[in-house]
Amino acid sequence: MKLITAIIRPFKLDDVRGALTEVGVSGITVTEVKGFGRQKGHTELYRGAEYVVDFLPKLKIECAVPEPLLERALEALQNAAGTGKVGDGKIFVTPIEQAIRIRTGELGADAL
């Protein structure tokens, strides 16, 4: 099993959710986050004063997937989240040692 963590633009959430559901991902967790990478923030005007926005709003999506589904899920996520511009985000993949469904006690891939 692998944990996919993706940082994406907020307006791409519906596209990403649909794409992951289509390939068989059964659930995702979404968190509102702020951060910056190569974008380095930007300048905005508020009541006539200019100020720098260092941290940009993003969404962090996490989903656990069984190994056979990993490549299709990554491809779907990348295609759905991408715009081709700086700031599209990142995808991280980490191993999961164990998963347990609290309600039933199911273990491993059965818990997903």
PDB file of N, CA and C in Angstrom:
ATOM      1  N   MET A   1       0.842  -1.180   0.000  1.00  0.00           N
ATOM      2  CA  MET A   1       0.000   0.000   0.000  1.00  0.00           C
ATOM      3  C   MET A   1       0.884   1.239   0.000  1.00  0.00           C
ATOM      4  N   LYS A   2       0.366   2.285  -0.633  1.00  0.00           N
ATOM      5  CA  LYS A   2       1.085   3.553  -0.701  1.00  0.00           C
ATOM      6  C   LYS A   2       0.155   4.699  -0.308  1.00  0.00           C
ATOM      7  N   LEU A   3       0.736   5.737   0.256  1.00  0.00           N
ATOM      8  CA  LEU A   3       0.001   6.960   0.565  1.00  0.00           C
ATOM      9  C   LEU A   3       0.395   8.006  -0.459  1.00  0.00           C
ATOM     10  N   ILE A   4      -0.583   8.496  -1.196  1.00  0.00           N
ATOM     11  CA  ILE A   4      -0.354   9.573  -2.151  1.00  0.00           C
ATOM     12  C   ILE A   4      -0.752  10.869  -1.469  1.00  0.00           C
ATOM     13  N   THR A   5       0.179  11.818  -1.425  1.00  0.00           N
ATOM     14  CA  THR A   5      -0.090  13.150  -0.895  1.00  0.00           C
ATOM     15  C   THR A   5       0.150  14.127  -2.029  1.00  0.00           C
ATOM     16  N   ALA A   6      -0.866  14.911  -2.353  1.00  0.00           N
ATOM     17  CA  ALA A   6      -0.741  15.858  -3.460  1.00  0.00           C
ATOM     18  C   ALA A   6      -1.123  17.252  -2.979  1.00  0.00           C
ATOM     19  N   ILE A   7      -0.339  18.234  -3.399  1.00  0.00           N
ATOM     20  CA  ILE A   7      -0.651  19.637  -3.144  1.00  0.00           C
ATOM     21  C   ILE A   7      -1.113  20.200  -4.486  1.00  0.00           C
ATOM     22  N   ILE A   8      -2.354  20.697  -4.530  1.00  0.00           N
ATOM     23  CA  ILE A   8      -2.927  21.145  -5.802  1.00  0.00           C
ATOM     24  C   ILE A   8      -3.562  22.528  -5.664  1.00  0.00           C
ATOM     25  N   ARG A   9      -3.906  23.102  -6.807  1.00  0.00           N
ATOM     26  CA  ARG A   9      -4.651  24.364  -6.825  1.00  0.00           C
ATOM     27  C   ARG A   9      -6.094  24.076  -6.370  1.00  0.00           C
ATOM     28  N   PRO A  10      -6.676  24.971  -5.569  1.00  0.00           N
ATOM     29  CA  PRO A  10      -8.021  24.715  -5.039  1.00  0.00           C
ATOM     30  C   PRO A  10      -9.099  24.484  -6.101  1.00  0.00           C
ATOM     31  N   PHE A  11      -9.055  25.189  -7.209  1.00  0.00           N
ATOM     32  CA  PHE A  11     -10.117  25.052  -8.208  1.00  0.00           C
ATOM     33  C   PHE A  11     -10.058  23.740  -8.986  1.00  0.00           C
ATOM     34  N   LYS A  12      -9.011  22.945  -8.790  1.00  0.00           N
ATOM     35  CA  LYS A  12      -8.872  21.661  -9.479  1.00  0.00           C
ATOM     36  C   LYS A  12      -9.431  20.487  -8.670  1.00  0.00           C
ATOM     37  N   LEU A  13      -9.987  20.758  -7.490  1.00  0.00           N
ATOM     38  CA  LEU A  13     -10.446  19.680  -6.608  1.00  0.00           C
ATOM     39  C   LEU A  13     -11.486  18.782  -7.271  1.00  0.00           C
ATOM     40  N   ASP A  14     -12.497  19.354  -7.884  1.00  0.00           N
ATOM     41  CA  ASP A  14     -13.552  18.533  -8.499  1.00  0.00           C
ATOM     42  C   ASP A  14     -13.002  17.643  -9.600  1.00  0.00           C
ATOM     43  N   ASP A  15     -12.089  18.185 -10.414  1.00  0.00           N
ATOM     44  CA  ASP A  15     -11.475  17.393 -11.485  1.00  0.00           C
ATOM     45  C   ASP A  15     -10.671  16.226 -10.902  1.00  0.00           C
ATOM     46  N   VAL A  16      -9.891  16.513  -9.861  1.00  0.00           N
ATOM     47  CA  VAL A  16      -9.053  15.482  -9.242  1.00  0.00           C
ATOM     48  C   VAL A  16      -9.920  14.411  -8.590  1.00  0.00           C
ATOM     49  N   ARG A  17     -10.939  14.832  -7.877  1.00  0.00           N
ATOM     50  CA  ARG A  17     -11.831  13.870  -7.224  1.00  0.00           C
ATOM     51  C   ARG A  17     -12.469  12.937  -8.257  1.00  0.00           C
ATOM     52  N   GLY A  18     -12.963  13.498  -9.338  1.00  0.00           N
ATOM     53  CA  GLY A  18     -13.573  12.692 -10.387  1.00  0.00           C
ATOM     54  C   GLY A  18     -12.600  11.718 -11.017  1.00  0.00           C
ATOM     55  N   ALA A  19     -11.391  12.193 -11.291  1.00  0.00           N
ATOM     56  CA  ALA A  19     -10.379  11.340 -11.926  1.00  0.00           C
ATOM     57  C   ALA A  19      -9.969  10.191 -11.012  1.00  0.00           C
ATOM     58  N   LEU A  20      -9.787  10.459  -9.729  1.00  0.00           N
ATOM     59  CA  LEU A  20      -9.391   9.405  -8.796  1.00  0.00           C
ATOM     60  C   LEU A  20     -10.515   8.390  -8.598  1.00  0.00           C
ATOM     61  N   THR A  21     -11.746   8.869  -8.528  1.00  0.00           N
ATOM     62  CA  THR A  21     -12.884   7.972  -8.388  1.00  0.00           C
ATOM     63  C   THR A  21     -13.002   7.066  -9.606  1.00  0.00           C
ATOM     64  N   GLU A  22     -12.750   7.628 -10.780  1.00  0.00           N
ATOM     65  CA  GLU A  22     -12.836   6.870 -12.026  1.00  0.00           C
ATOM     66  C   GLU A  22     -11.864   5.695 -12.087  1.00  0.00           C
ATOM     67  N   VAL A  23     -10.670   5.867 -11.516  1.00  0.00           N
ATOM     68  CA  VAL A  23      -9.670   4.786 -11.559  1.00  0.00           C
ATOM     69  C   VAL A  23      -9.801   3.822 -10.385  1.00  0.00           C
ATOM     70  N   GLY A  24     -10.730   4.099  -9.455  1.00  0.00           N
ATOM     71  CA  GLY A  24     -10.979   3.140  -8.388  1.00  0.00           C
ATOM     72  C   GLY A  24     -10.495   3.527  -7.008  1.00  0.00           C
ATOM     73  N   VAL A  25     -10.067   4.767  -6.805  1.00  0.00           N
ATOM     74  CA  VAL A  25      -9.676   5.206  -5.464  1.00  0.00           C
ATOM     75  C   VAL A  25     -10.952   5.387  -4.652  1.00  0.00           C
ATOM     76  N   SER A  26     -11.012   4.734  -3.486  1.00  0.00           N
ATOM     77  CA  SER A  26     -12.268   4.677  -2.742  1.00  0.00           C
ATOM     78  C   SER A  26     -12.491   5.846  -1.800  1.00  0.00           C
ATOM     79  N   GLY A  27     -11.470   6.583  -1.442  1.00  0.00           N
ATOM     80  CA  GLY A  27     -11.657   7.707  -0.532  1.00  0.00           C
ATOM     81  C   GLY A  27     -10.463   8.632  -0.533  1.00  0.00           C
ATOM     82  N   ILE A  28     -10.719   9.910  -0.250  1.00  0.00           N
ATOM     83  CA  ILE A  28      -9.636  10.883  -0.159  1.00  0.00           C
ATOM     84  C   ILE A  28      -9.875  11.772   1.060  1.00  0.00           C
ATOM     85  N   THR A  29      -8.809  12.375   1.547  1.00  0.00           N
ATOM     86  CA  THR A  29      -8.885  13.367   2.605  1.00  0.00           C
ATOM     87  C   THR A  29      -8.359  14.664   2.031  1.00  0.00           C
ATOM     88  N   VAL A  30      -9.095  15.761   2.251  1.00  0.00           N
ATOM     89  CA  VAL A  30      -8.707  17.059   1.709  1.00  0.00           C
ATOM     90  C   VAL A  30      -8.504  18.044   2.861  1.00  0.00           C
ATOM     91  N   THR A  31      -7.388  18.761   2.826  1.00  0.00           N
ATOM     92  CA  THR A  31      -7.073  19.763   3.839  1.00  0.00           C
ATOM     93  C   THR A  31      -6.704  21.060   3.145  1.00  0.00           C
ATOM     94  N   GLU A  32      -7.222  22.184   3.645  1.00  0.00           N
ATOM     95  CA  GLU A  32      -6.819  23.486   3.118  1.00  0.00           C
ATOM     96  C   GLU A  32      -5.478  23.845   3.746  1.00  0.00           C
ATOM     97  N   VAL A  33      -4.508  24.172   2.880  1.00  0.00           N
ATOM     98  CA  VAL A  33      -3.164  24.511   3.347  1.00  0.00           C
ATOM     99  C   VAL A  33      -2.694  25.780   2.642  1.00  0.00           C
ATOM    100  N   LYS A  34      -1.596  26.339   3.129  1.00  0.00           N
ATOM    101  CA  LYS A  34      -0.957  27.478   2.471  1.00  0.00           C
ATOM    102  C   LYS A  34       0.519  27.174   2.337  1.00  0.00           C
ATOM    103  N   GLY A  35       1.108  27.663   1.267  1.00  0.00           N
ATOM    104  CA  GLY A  35       2.525  27.426   1.077  1.00  0.00           C
ATOM    105  C   GLY A  35       3.033  28.103  -0.181  1.00  0.00           C
ATOM    106  N   PHE A  36       4.299  27.877  -0.474  1.00  0.00           N
ATOM    107  CA  PHE A  36       4.873  28.397  -1.711  1.00  0.00           C
ATOM    108  C   PHE A  36       6.005  27.495  -2.152  1.00  0.00           C
ATOM    109  N   GLY A  37       6.260  27.530  -3.427  1.00  0.00           N
ATOM    110  CA  GLY A  37       7.366  26.796  -4.014  1.00  0.00           C
ATOM    111  C   GLY A  37       8.085  27.747  -4.954  1.00  0.00           C
ATOM    112  N   ARG A  38       8.138  27.383  -6.205  1.00  0.00           N
ATOM    113  CA  ARG A  38       8.804  28.239  -7.191  1.00  0.00           C
ATOM    114  C   ARG A  38       8.032  29.514  -7.464  1.00  0.00           C
ATOM    115  N   GLN A  39       6.720  29.535  -7.132  1.00  0.00           N
ATOM    116  CA  GLN A  39       5.922  30.740  -7.357  1.00  0.00           C
ATOM    117  C   GLN A  39       6.411  31.902  -6.504  1.00  0.00           C
ATOM    118  N   LYS A  40       6.863  31.618  -5.316  1.00  0.00           N
ATOM    119  CA  LYS A  40       7.361  32.619  -4.374  1.00  0.00           C
ATOM    120  C   LYS A  40       6.326  33.669  -3.991  1.00  0.00           C
ATOM    121  N   GLY A  41       5.061  33.377  -4.118  1.00  0.00           N
ATOM    122  CA  GLY A  41       4.033  34.349  -3.741  1.00  0.00           C
ATOM    123  C   GLY A  41       3.827  35.395  -4.809  1.00  0.00           C
ATOM    124  N   HIS A  42       3.035  36.434  -4.484  1.00  0.00           N
ATOM    125  CA  HIS A  42       2.775  37.494  -5.436  1.00  0.00           C
ATOM    126  C   HIS A  42       2.353  38.761  -4.694  1.00  0.00           C
ATOM    127  N   THR A  43       2.212  39.857  -5.425  1.00  0.00           N
ATOM    128  CA  THR A  43       1.845  41.138  -4.839  1.00  0.00           C
ATOM    129  C   THR A  43       0.377  41.429  -5.127  1.00  0.00           C
ATOM    130  N   GLU A  44      -0.346  41.943  -4.115  1.00  0.00           N
ATOM    131  CA  GLU A  44      -1.744  42.313  -4.291  1.00  0.00           C
ATOM    132  C   GLU A  44      -1.977  43.719  -3.769  1.00  0.00           C
ATOM    133  N   LEU A  45      -3.074  44.307  -4.215  1.00  0.00           N
ATOM    134  CA  LEU A  45      -3.476  45.618  -3.726  1.00  0.00           C
ATOM    135  C   LEU A  45      -4.694  45.475  -2.825  1.00  0.00           C
ATOM    136  N   TYR A  46      -4.677  46.113  -1.654  1.00  0.00           N
ATOM    137  CA  TYR A  46      -5.813  46.088  -0.744  1.00  0.00           C
ATOM    138  C   TYR A  46      -5.993  47.488  -0.193  1.00  0.00           C
ATOM    139  N   ARG A  47      -7.136  48.104  -0.504  1.00  0.00           N
ATOM    140  CA  ARG A  47      -7.444  49.479  -0.076  1.00  0.00           C
ATOM    141  C   ARG A  47      -6.327  50.445  -0.432  1.00  0.00           C
ATOM    142  N   GLY A  48      -5.818  50.267  -1.633  1.00  0.00           N
ATOM    143  CA  GLY A  48      -4.800  51.174  -2.142  1.00  0.00           C
ATOM    144  C   GLY A  48      -3.389  50.869  -1.705  1.00  0.00           C
ATOM    145  N   ALA A  49      -3.216  49.956  -0.782  1.00  0.00           N
ATOM    146  CA  ALA A  49      -1.876  49.607  -0.307  1.00  0.00           C
ATOM    147  C   ALA A  49      -1.438  48.295  -0.950  1.00  0.00           C
ATOM    148  N   GLU A  50      -0.187  48.254  -1.351  1.00  0.00           N
ATOM    149  CA  GLU A  50       0.367  47.055  -1.968  1.00  0.00           C
ATOM    150  C   GLU A  50       1.010  46.197  -0.893  1.00  0.00           C
ATOM    151  N   TYR A  51       0.743  44.900  -0.934  1.00  0.00           N
ATOM    152  CA  TYR A  51       1.380  44.001   0.018  1.00  0.00           C
ATOM    153  C   TYR A  51       1.699  42.676  -0.658  1.00  0.00           C
ATOM    154  N   VAL A  52       2.635  41.957  -0.070  1.00  0.00           N
ATOM    155  CA  VAL A  52       3.113  40.701  -0.637  1.00  0.00           C
ATOM    156  C   VAL A  52       2.392  39.538   0.023  1.00  0.00           C
ATOM    157  N   VAL A  53       1.861  38.639  -0.789  1.00  0.00           N
ATOM    158  CA  VAL A  53       1.248  37.415  -0.295  1.00  0.00           C
ATOM    159  C   VAL A  53       2.303  36.316  -0.455  1.00  0.00           C
ATOM    160  N   ASP A  54       2.926  35.935   0.660  1.00  0.00           N
ATOM    161  CA  ASP A  54       4.001  34.941   0.614  1.00  0.00           C
ATOM    162  C   ASP A  54       3.477  33.516   0.504  1.00  0.00           C
ATOM    163  N   PHE A  55       2.390  33.233   1.200  1.00  0.00           N
ATOM    164  CA  PHE A  55       1.850  31.882   1.214  1.00  0.00           C
ATOM    165  C   PHE A  55       0.563  31.847   0.408  1.00  0.00           C
ATOM    166  N   LEU A  56       0.530  30.976  -0.580  1.00  0.00           N
ATOM    167  CA  LEU A  56      -0.622  30.875  -1.469  1.00  0.00           C
ATOM    168  C   LEU A  56      -1.548  29.753  -1.009  1.00  0.00           C
ATOM    169  N   PRO A  57      -2.863  29.936  -1.161  1.00  0.00           N
ATOM    170  CA  PRO A  57      -3.795  28.885  -0.753  1.00  0.00           C
ATOM    171  C   PRO A  57      -3.699  27.675  -1.687  1.00  0.00           C
ATOM    172  N   LYS A  58      -3.623  26.516  -1.099  1.00  0.00           N
ATOM    173  CA  LYS A  58      -3.563  25.255  -1.841  1.00  0.00           C
ATOM    174  C   LYS A  58      -4.439  24.239  -1.116  1.00  0.00           C
ATOM    175  N   LEU A  59      -4.633  23.084  -1.718  1.00  0.00           N
ATOM    176  CA  LEU A  59      -5.309  21.969  -1.079  1.00  0.00           C
ATOM    177  C   LEU A  59      -4.351  20.794  -1.010  1.00  0.00           C
ATOM    178  N   LYS A  60      -4.367  20.108   0.135  1.00  0.00           N
ATOM    179  CA  LYS A  60      -3.572  18.885   0.271  1.00  0.00           C
ATOM    180  C   LYS A  60      -4.544  17.717   0.219  1.00  0.00           C
ATOM    181  N   ILE A  61      -4.305  16.822  -0.716  1.00  0.00           N
ATOM    182  CA  ILE A  61      -5.139  15.639  -0.892  1.00  0.00           C
ATOM    183  C   ILE A  61      -4.317  14.419  -0.489  1.00  0.00           C
ATOM    184  N   GLU A  62      -4.917  13.568   0.324  1.00  0.00           N
ATOM    185  CA  GLU A  62      -4.246  12.339   0.730  1.00  0.00           C
ATOM    186  C   GLU A  62      -5.160  11.159   0.418  1.00  0.00           C
ATOM    187  N   CYS A  63      -4.569  10.118  -0.149  1.00  0.00           N
ATOM    188  CA  CYS A  63      -5.340   8.899  -0.399  1.00  0.00           C
ATOM    189  C   CYS A  63      -4.409   7.695  -0.319  1.00  0.00           C
ATOM    190  N   ALA A  64      -4.928   6.642   0.294  1.00  0.00           N
ATOM    191  CA  ALA A  64      -4.191   5.388   0.392  1.00  0.00           C
ATOM    192  C   ALA A  64      -4.661   4.481  -0.734  1.00  0.00           C
ATOM    193  N   VAL A  65      -3.700   3.895  -1.447  1.00  0.00           N
ATOM    194  CA  VAL A  65      -4.048   3.030  -2.570  1.00  0.00           C
ATOM    195  C   VAL A  65      -3.237   1.741  -2.510  1.00  0.00           C
ATOM    196  N   PRO A  66      -3.830   0.631  -2.972  1.00  0.00           N
ATOM    197  CA  PRO A  66      -3.052  -0.610  -3.077  1.00  0.00           C
ATOM    198  C   PRO A  66      -2.040  -0.485  -4.220  1.00  0.00           C
ATOM    199  N   GLU A  67      -0.960  -1.226  -4.119  1.00  0.00           N
ATOM    200  CA  GLU A  67       0.131  -1.152  -5.109  1.00  0.00           C
ATOM    201  C   GLU A  67      -0.338  -1.262  -6.570  1.00  0.00           C
ATOM    202  N   PRO A  68      -1.222  -2.209  -6.919  1.00  0.00           N
ATOM    203  CA  PRO A  68      -1.616  -2.344  -8.326  1.00  0.00           C
ATOM    204  C   PRO A  68      -2.332  -1.101  -8.890  1.00  0.00           C
ATOM    205  N   LEU A  69      -2.904  -0.293  -8.028  1.00  0.00           N
ATOM    206  CA  LEU A  69      -3.656   0.880  -8.457  1.00  0.00           C
ATOM    207  C   LEU A  69      -2.797   2.148  -8.514  1.00  0.00           C
ATOM    208  N   LEU A  70      -1.584   2.080  -7.971  1.00  0.00           N
ATOM    209  CA  LEU A  70      -0.748   3.269  -7.795  1.00  0.00           C
ATOM    210  C   LEU A  70      -0.487   4.034  -9.088  1.00  0.00           C
ATOM    211  N   GLU A  71       0.019   3.386 -10.111  1.00  0.00           N
ATOM    212  CA  GLU A  71       0.398   4.091 -11.341  1.00  0.00           C
ATOM    213  C   GLU A  71      -0.789   4.766 -12.013  1.00  0.00           C
ATOM    214  N   ARG A  72      -1.934   4.073 -12.057  1.00  0.00           N
ATOM    215  CA  ARG A  72      -3.132   4.668 -12.669  1.00  0.00           C
ATOM    216  C   ARG A  72      -3.618   5.871 -11.859  1.00  0.00           C
ATOM    217  N   ALA A  73      -3.540   5.765 -10.529  1.00  0.00           N
ATOM    218  CA  ALA A  73      -3.971   6.871  -9.671  1.00  0.00           C
ATOM    219  C   ALA A  73      -3.055   8.082  -9.846  1.00  0.00           C
ATOM    220  N   LEU A  74      -1.760   7.840  -9.935  1.00  0.00           N
ATOM    221  CA  LEU A  74      -0.806   8.946 -10.128  1.00  0.00           C
ATOM    222  C   LEU A  74      -1.029   9.637 -11.465  1.00  0.00           C
ATOM    223  N   GLU A  75      -1.219   8.856 -12.502  1.00  0.00           N
ATOM    224  CA  GLU A  75      -1.449   9.417 -13.829  1.00  0.00           C
ATOM    225  C   GLU A  75      -2.750  10.233 -13.860  1.00  0.00           C
ATOM    226  N   ALA A  76      -3.806   9.695 -13.265  1.00  0.00           N
ATOM    227  CA  ALA A  76      -5.089  10.404 -13.224  1.00  0.00           C
ATOM    228  C   ALA A  76      -4.962  11.702 -12.439  1.00  0.00           C
ATOM    229  N   LEU A  77      -4.270  11.652 -11.324  1.00  0.00           N
ATOM    230  CA  LEU A  77      -4.072  12.834 -10.483  1.00  0.00           C
ATOM    231  C   LEU A  77      -3.278  13.906 -11.212  1.00  0.00           C
ATOM    232  N   GLN A  78      -2.211  13.503 -11.845  1.00  0.00           N
ATOM    233  CA  GLN A  78      -1.371  14.454 -12.561  1.00  0.00           C
ATOM    234  C   GLN A  78      -2.121  15.096 -13.721  1.00  0.00           C
ATOM    235  N   ASN A  79      -2.864  14.309 -14.471  1.00  0.00           N
ATOM    236  CA  ASN A  79      -3.621  14.851 -15.605  1.00  0.00           C
ATOM    237  C   ASN A  79      -4.732  15.787 -15.153  1.00  0.00           C
ATOM    238  N   ALA A  80      -5.414  15.438 -14.060  1.00  0.00           N
ATOM    239  CA  ALA A  80      -6.539  16.243 -13.587  1.00  0.00           C
ATOM    240  C   ALA A  80      -6.097  17.530 -12.900  1.00  0.00           C
ATOM    241  N   ALA A  81      -4.947  17.502 -12.224  1.00  0.00           N
ATOM    242  CA  ALA A  81      -4.505  18.664 -11.446  1.00  0.00           C
ATOM    243  C   ALA A  81      -3.674  19.641 -12.264  1.00  0.00           C
ATOM    244  N   GLY A  82      -3.155  19.213 -13.388  1.00  0.00           N
ATOM    245  CA  GLY A  82      -2.232  20.051 -14.149  1.00  0.00           C
ATOM    246  C   GLY A  82      -2.896  21.122 -14.986  1.00  0.00           C
ATOM    247  N   THR A  83      -2.247  22.296 -15.034  1.00  0.00           N
ATOM    248  CA  THR A  83      -2.656  23.372 -15.936  1.00  0.00           C
ATOM    249  C   THR A  83      -1.521  23.734 -16.883  1.00  0.00           C
ATOM    250  N   GLY A  84      -0.326  23.231 -16.581  1.00  0.00           N
ATOM    251  CA  GLY A  84       0.832  23.559 -17.393  1.00  0.00           C
ATOM    252  C   GLY A  84       1.547  24.823 -16.955  1.00  0.00           C
ATOM    253  N   LYS A  85       1.117  25.402 -15.839  1.00  0.00           N
ATOM    254  CA  LYS A  85       1.719  26.651 -15.346  1.00  0.00           C
ATOM    255  C   LYS A  85       2.425  26.406 -14.024  1.00  0.00           C
ATOM    256  N   VAL A  86       3.335  27.313 -13.693  1.00  0.00           N
ATOM    257  CA  VAL A  86       4.026  27.244 -12.412  1.00  0.00           C
ATOM    258  C   VAL A  86       2.991  27.322 -11.297  1.00  0.00           C
ATOM    259  N   GLY A  87       3.153  26.476 -10.286  1.00  0.00           N
ATOM    260  CA  GLY A  87       2.224  26.488  -9.161  1.00  0.00           C
ATOM    261  C   GLY A  87       1.185  25.394  -9.195  1.00  0.00           C
ATOM    262  N   ASP A  88       1.308  24.445 -10.138  1.00  0.00           N
ATOM    263  CA  ASP A  88       0.350  23.345 -10.216  1.00  0.00           C
ATOM    264  C   ASP A  88       0.431  22.423  -9.001  1.00  0.00           C
ATOM    265  N   GLY A  89       1.571  22.354  -8.347  1.00  0.00           N
ATOM    266  CA  GLY A  89       1.689  21.565  -7.130  1.00  0.00           C
ATOM    267  C   GLY A  89       2.675  20.427  -7.229  1.00  0.00           C
ATOM    268  N   LYS A  90       2.588  19.526  -6.263  1.00  0.00           N
ATOM    269  CA  LYS A  90       3.507  18.390  -6.170  1.00  0.00           C
ATOM    270  C   LYS A  90       2.719  17.152  -5.758  1.00  0.00           C
ATOM    271  N   ILE A  91       3.287  15.984  -6.070  1.00  0.00           N
ATOM    272  CA  ILE A  91       2.736  14.709  -5.637  1.00  0.00           C
ATOM    273  C   ILE A  91       3.855  13.941  -4.934  1.00  0.00           C
ATOM    274  N   PHE A  92       3.552  13.418  -3.752  1.00  0.00           N
ATOM    275  CA  PHE A  92       4.504  12.623  -2.987  1.00  0.00           C
ATOM    276  C   PHE A  92       3.903  11.242  -2.756  1.00  0.00           C
ATOM    277  N   VAL A  93       4.733  10.220  -2.825  1.00  0.00           N
ATOM    278  CA  VAL A  93       4.284   8.848  -2.584  1.00  0.00           C
ATOM    279  C   VAL A  93       5.139   8.270  -1.470  1.00  0.00           C
ATOM    280  N   THR A  94       4.466   7.751  -0.428  1.00  0.00           N
ATOM    281  CA  THR A  94       5.178   7.149   0.695  1.00  0.00           C
ATOM    282  C   THR A  94       4.568   5.783   1.004  1.00  0.00           C
ATOM    283  N   PRO A  95       5.383   4.859   1.523  1.00  0.00           N
ATOM    284  CA  PRO A  95       4.855   3.535   1.859  1.00  0.00           C
ATOM    285  C   PRO A  95       3.990   3.575   3.122  1.00  0.00           C
ATOM    286  N   ILE A  96       3.007   2.699   3.160  1.00  0.00           N
ATOM    287  CA  ILE A  96       2.176   2.526   4.351  1.00  0.00           C
ATOM    288  C   ILE A  96       2.492   1.145   4.913  1.00  0.00           C
ATOM    289  N   GLU A  97       2.912   1.093   6.163  1.00  0.00           N
ATOM    290  CA  GLU A  97       3.236  -0.194   6.776  1.00  0.00           C
ATOM    291  C   GLU A  97       1.994  -0.985   7.132  1.00  0.00           C
ATOM    292  N   GLN A  98       0.967  -0.309   7.639  1.00  0.00           N
ATOM    293  CA  GLN A  98      -0.229  -1.014   8.074  1.00  0.00           C
ATOM    294  C   GLN A  98      -1.422  -0.071   8.018  1.00  0.00           C
ATOM    295  N   ALA A  99      -2.576  -0.610   7.707  1.00  0.00           N
ATOM    296  CA  ALA A  99      -3.834   0.133   7.744  1.00  0.00           C
ATOM    297  C   ALA A  99      -4.858  -0.728   8.474  1.00  0.00           C
ATOM    298  N   ILE A 100      -5.641  -0.085   9.324  1.00  0.00           N
ATOM    299  CA  ILE A 100      -6.650  -0.798  10.100  1.00  0.00           C
ATOM    300  C   ILE A 100      -7.956  -0.015  10.028  1.00  0.00           C
ATOM    301  N   ARG A 101      -9.030  -0.684   9.623  1.00  0.00           N
ATOM    302  CA  ARG A 101     -10.348  -0.057   9.652  1.00  0.00           C
ATOM    303  C   ARG A 101     -10.845  -0.149  11.096  1.00  0.00           C
ATOM    304  N   ILE A 102     -11.079   0.986  11.714  1.00  0.00           N
ATOM    305  CA  ILE A 102     -11.444   1.025  13.127  1.00  0.00           C
ATOM    306  C   ILE A 102     -12.735   0.260  13.407  1.00  0.00           C
ATOM    307  N   ARG A 103     -13.749   0.461  12.585  1.00  0.00           N
ATOM    308  CA  ARG A 103     -15.059  -0.142  12.833  1.00  0.00           C
ATOM    309  C   ARG A 103     -15.016  -1.665  12.826  1.00  0.00           C
ATOM    310  N   THR A 104     -14.339  -2.271  11.831  1.00  0.00           N
ATOM    311  CA  THR A 104     -14.391  -3.729  11.658  1.00  0.00           C
ATOM    312  C   THR A 104     -13.115  -4.453  12.052  1.00  0.00           C
ATOM    313  N   GLY A 105     -12.014  -3.719  12.182  1.00  0.00           N
ATOM    314  CA  GLY A 105     -10.746  -4.356  12.499  1.00  0.00           C
ATOM    315  C   GLY A 105     -10.037  -4.943  11.294  1.00  0.00           C
ATOM    316  N   GLU A 106     -10.567  -4.705  10.074  1.00  0.00           N
ATOM    317  CA  GLU A 106      -9.917  -5.209   8.862  1.00  0.00           C
ATOM    318  C   GLU A 106      -8.514  -4.626   8.749  1.00  0.00           C
ATOM    319  N   LEU A 107      -7.588  -5.417   8.185  1.00  0.00           N
ATOM    320  CA  LEU A 107      -6.192  -5.012   8.092  1.00  0.00           C
ATOM    321  C   LEU A 107      -5.749  -4.888   6.644  1.00  0.00           C
ATOM    322  N   GLY A 108      -4.683  -4.122   6.430  1.00  0.00           N
ATOM    323  CA  GLY A 108      -4.049  -4.019   5.124  1.00  0.00           C
ATOM    324  C   GLY A 108      -4.939  -3.426   4.060  1.00  0.00           C
ATOM    325  N   ALA A 109      -4.841  -3.967   2.835  1.00  0.00           N
ATOM    326  CA  ALA A 109      -5.606  -3.447   1.707  1.00  0.00           C
ATOM    327  C   ALA A 109      -7.114  -3.596   1.912  1.00  0.00           C
ATOM    328  N   ASP A 110      -7.538  -4.563   2.731  1.00  0.00           N
ATOM    329  CA  ASP A 110      -8.970  -4.722   3.029  1.00  0.00           C
ATOM    330  C   ASP A 110      -9.509  -3.527   3.801  1.00  0.00           C
ATOM    331  N   ALA A 111      -8.645  -2.834   4.529  1.00  0.00           N
ATOM    332  CA  ALA A 111      -9.072  -1.671   5.311  1.00  0.00           C
ATOM    333  C   ALA A 111      -9.303  -0.448   4.456  1.00  0.00           C
ATOM    334  N   LEU A 112      -8.774  -0.458   3.235  1.00  0.00           N
ATOM    335  CA  LEU A 112      -8.942   0.705   2.367  1.00  0.00           C
ATOM    336  C   LEU A 112     -10.352   0.734   1.828  1.00  0.00           C
TER     337      LEU A 112
END
